[in-house]
Amino acid sequence: MESYLESIIKQFEYYKSLGDKTFNQLSFDEMLWQSDIDTNSVSILAKHMIGNMLSRWTNFLTEDGEKAWRNRDDEFDSDFNSKEEVIAAWESGWFCLFKAIKPLKPEDLERIIYIRNGGHTVTEAINRQLAHYAYHVGQIVFLGKLLKGADWKSLSIPKGDSKGYNKDKFNCDKERRHFTDDL
């Protein structure tokens, strides 16, 4: 279970980094872009994730993950005034998450916590949030790629580079490592 905790931290760091690298490529106007009134912009997706993080991870082990002070519907209104404001809020959400999970011990993983009165083991709650954040970060990255077009800087193995990438990997000795270690 110790390896699970180490791995899950690296997974969350990885998804945060994908968002960070996308934000770095976008202007504030691009972060606000919506294809229509019913779709989410990059900034709205970030705002929703931030609201979710602050609710879920504040007093993670002792309070329900859906806080009374959270107004989820407001998370889908765009009200950021600058790219810096988006990034500062993004950082506060991730800070809250890492503050909650980094101190966890293997014996915490079977504890029961609640989200909207639904009981989850800590492991289940962590996995639930990882899947939720990966889903939305994927949307953020896709929108970034769509908005930047040919100017997009790939966040993974660029199209057409798989053979070279694999050749480099297979030239390394076999060892146990997390896939994010060399990103």
Protein backbone atom coordinates (compact mmCIF):
# COMPACT_ATOMS: atom_id res chain seq x y z
CA MET A 1 0.00 0.00 0.00
CA GLU A 2 2.98 2.29 0.45
CA SER A 3 3.64 1.96 -3.30
CA TYR A 4 -0.02 2.84 -3.98
CA LEU A 5 0.34 6.09 -2.05
CA GLU A 6 3.57 6.98 -3.85
CA SER A 7 2.03 6.10 -7.21
CA ILE A 8 -1.18 8.04 -6.64
CA ILE A 9 0.75 11.19 -5.73
CA LYS A 10 2.75 10.85 -8.95
CA GLN A 11 -0.46 10.30 -10.92
CA PHE A 12 -2.04 13.46 -9.53
CA GLU A 13 1.21 15.38 -10.18
CA TYR A 14 1.16 14.11 -13.76
CA TYR A 15 -2.39 15.31 -14.44
CA LYS A 16 -1.63 18.65 -12.79
CA SER A 17 1.41 19.01 -15.06
CA LEU A 18 -0.71 18.37 -18.17
CA GLY A 19 -3.01 21.20 -17.10
CA ASP A 20 -0.03 23.43 -16.27
CA LYS A 21 1.58 22.80 -19.67
CA THR A 22 -1.70 23.50 -21.44
CA PHE A 23 -2.25 26.76 -19.54
CA ASN A 24 1.31 27.81 -20.47
CA GLN A 25 0.42 27.55 -24.15
CA LEU A 26 -2.85 29.49 -23.96
CA SER A 27 -3.70 33.16 -23.74
CA PHE A 28 -6.41 34.28 -21.33
CA ASP A 29 -8.81 34.82 -24.25
CA GLU A 30 -8.16 31.25 -25.40
CA MET A 31 -8.84 29.98 -21.88
CA LEU A 32 -12.27 31.69 -22.04
CA TRP A 33 -13.24 30.35 -25.47
CA GLN A 34 -16.48 28.33 -25.70
CA SER A 35 -17.79 26.75 -28.89
CA ASP A 36 -21.30 27.64 -27.68
CA ILE A 37 -23.06 28.76 -24.50
CA ASP A 38 -23.59 25.19 -23.28
CA THR A 39 -19.97 24.04 -23.54
CA ASN A 40 -17.23 24.57 -21.00
CA SER A 41 -14.15 26.66 -21.62
CA VAL A 42 -10.72 25.79 -20.25
CA SER A 43 -11.27 28.33 -17.47
CA ILE A 44 -14.67 26.86 -16.55
CA LEU A 45 -13.27 23.32 -16.48
CA ALA A 46 -10.47 24.55 -14.24
CA LYS A 47 -12.95 26.37 -11.98
CA HIS A 48 -15.06 23.23 -11.64
CA MET A 49 -12.01 21.12 -10.79
CA ILE A 50 -10.87 23.70 -8.24
CA GLY A 51 -14.27 23.76 -6.55
CA ASN A 52 -14.31 19.98 -6.46
CA MET A 53 -10.78 19.80 -5.04
CA LEU A 54 -11.42 22.33 -2.31
CA SER A 55 -14.62 20.53 -1.33
CA ARG A 56 -13.31 16.97 -1.50
CA TRP A 57 -9.89 17.46 0.06
CA THR A 58 -10.57 20.00 2.83
CA ASN A 59 -10.72 17.96 6.06
CA PHE A 60 -10.68 14.87 3.83
CA LEU A 61 -10.70 12.27 6.60
CA THR A 62 -13.16 13.98 8.93
CA GLU A 63 -15.87 15.76 6.90
CA ASP A 64 -18.15 14.85 4.02
CA GLY A 65 -16.45 15.61 0.71
CA GLU A 66 -19.40 17.66 -0.52
CA LYS A 67 -19.15 20.73 1.68
CA ALA A 68 -22.18 22.88 2.52
CA TRP A 69 -20.24 25.96 1.37
CA ARG A 70 -19.63 24.58 -2.14
CA ASN A 71 -21.82 26.04 -4.88
CA ARG A 72 -21.18 23.60 -7.71
CA ASP A 73 -23.50 25.37 -10.15
CA ASP A 74 -21.44 28.58 -9.87
CA GLU A 75 -18.38 26.62 -10.99
CA PHE A 76 -19.83 26.64 -14.51
CA ASP A 77 -19.97 30.44 -14.74
CA SER A 78 -16.88 32.14 -16.12
CA ASP A 79 -15.80 34.92 -13.79
CA PHE A 80 -12.00 34.90 -13.84
CA ASN A 81 -10.45 38.26 -14.72
CA SER A 82 -6.99 37.11 -15.82
CA LYS A 83 -4.91 34.09 -16.67
CA GLU A 84 -2.95 34.69 -13.46
CA GLU A 85 -6.17 34.45 -11.48
CA VAL A 86 -7.02 31.11 -13.12
CA ILE A 87 -3.56 29.74 -12.37
CA ALA A 88 -3.58 30.98 -8.74
CA ALA A 89 -6.95 29.30 -8.15
CA TRP A 90 -5.71 26.13 -9.93
CA GLU A 91 -2.67 26.05 -7.64
CA SER A 92 -4.86 26.47 -4.53
CA GLY A 93 -6.97 23.45 -5.51
CA TRP A 94 -3.95 21.26 -6.08
CA PHE A 95 -2.32 22.51 -2.88
CA CYS A 96 -5.41 21.40 -0.96
CA LEU A 97 -5.30 17.97 -2.62
CA PHE A 98 -1.60 17.35 -1.95
CA LYS A 99 -1.91 18.63 1.62
CA ALA A 100 -4.57 15.95 2.18
CA ILE A 101 -2.94 12.96 0.48
CA LYS A 102 0.78 13.35 1.16
CA PRO A 103 0.45 12.63 4.91
CA LEU A 104 -1.70 9.52 4.37
CA LYS A 105 -0.37 6.21 5.69
CA PRO A 106 -1.23 2.71 4.45
CA GLU A 107 -3.45 2.17 7.50
CA ASP A 108 -5.62 5.13 6.37
CA LEU A 109 -6.57 3.51 3.07
CA GLU A 110 -9.39 1.32 4.44
CA ARG A 111 -10.93 4.09 6.53
CA ILE A 112 -14.43 5.12 5.45
CA ILE A 113 -15.03 8.68 4.34
CA TYR A 114 -18.19 10.16 2.86
CA ILE A 115 -19.13 12.04 -0.28
CA ARG A 116 -22.78 13.19 -0.18
CA ASN A 117 -23.29 10.65 2.62
CA GLY A 118 -22.04 7.82 0.41
CA GLY A 119 -19.35 5.81 2.15
CA HIS A 120 -16.05 5.17 0.36
CA THR A 121 -12.80 3.70 1.54
CA VAL A 122 -10.05 6.27 1.27
CA THR A 123 -8.67 4.24 -1.65
CA GLU A 124 -12.04 4.37 -3.43
CA ALA A 125 -12.35 8.12 -2.83
CA ILE A 126 -8.84 8.75 -4.16
CA ASN A 127 -9.49 6.62 -7.25
CA ARG A 128 -12.82 8.39 -7.82
CA GLN A 129 -11.13 11.79 -7.77
CA LEU A 130 -8.20 10.69 -9.93
CA ALA A 131 -10.61 9.48 -12.62
CA HIS A 132 -12.65 12.69 -12.36
CA TYR A 133 -9.60 14.93 -12.70
CA ALA A 134 -8.09 12.87 -15.54
CA TYR A 135 -11.40 13.23 -17.41
CA HIS A 136 -11.44 17.02 -17.08
CA VAL A 137 -7.71 17.50 -17.67
CA GLY A 138 -8.19 15.50 -20.88
CA GLN A 139 -10.89 17.99 -21.89
CA ILE A 140 -8.58 20.91 -21.05
CA VAL A 141 -5.75 19.43 -23.11
CA PHE A 142 -8.06 18.67 -26.02
CA LEU A 143 -9.38 22.23 -26.03
CA GLY A 144 -5.82 23.56 -25.85
CA LYS A 145 -4.79 21.45 -28.82
CA LEU A 146 -7.90 22.51 -30.73
CA LEU A 147 -7.30 26.20 -30.01
CA LYS A 148 -3.58 26.19 -30.83
CA GLY A 149 -3.78 24.03 -33.95
CA ALA A 150 -0.38 23.75 -35.63
CA ASP A 151 1.20 25.83 -32.82
CA TRP A 152 0.36 23.19 -30.19
CA LYS A 153 3.39 21.72 -28.43
CA SER A 154 2.67 18.06 -27.76
CA LEU A 155 2.47 16.92 -24.13
CA SER A 156 3.19 13.30 -24.97
CA ILE A 157 4.92 11.40 -27.75
CA PRO A 158 4.44 13.60 -30.84
CA LYS A 159 2.69 12.08 -33.83
CA GLY A 160 5.24 10.19 -35.93
CA ASP A 161 7.82 9.86 -33.12
CA SER A 162 6.67 6.56 -31.58
CA LYS A 163 9.39 4.40 -33.14
CA GLY A 164 12.19 6.69 -31.96
CA TYR A 165 10.66 7.02 -28.51
CA ASN A 166 10.28 3.24 -28.16
CA LYS A 167 13.81 2.65 -29.43
CA ASP A 168 15.18 4.95 -26.72
CA LYS A 169 13.10 3.17 -24.06
CA PHE A 170 14.14 -0.31 -25.15
CA ASN A 171 17.80 0.77 -25.12
CA CYS A 172 17.48 1.35 -21.36
CA ASP A 173 17.93 -1.37 -18.78
CA LYS A 174 14.80 -2.90 -17.32
CA GLU A 175 13.99 -1.39 -13.97
CA ARG A 176 10.97 -0.62 -11.85
CA ARG A 177 9.96 3.00 -12.30
CA HIS A 178 6.85 5.11 -12.54
CA PHE A 179 6.01 6.15 -16.09
CA THR A 180 6.09 9.82 -15.04
CA ASP A 181 9.66 9.67 -13.72
CA ASP A 182 11.22 10.80 -16.98
CA LEU A 183 8.60 13.27 -18.17
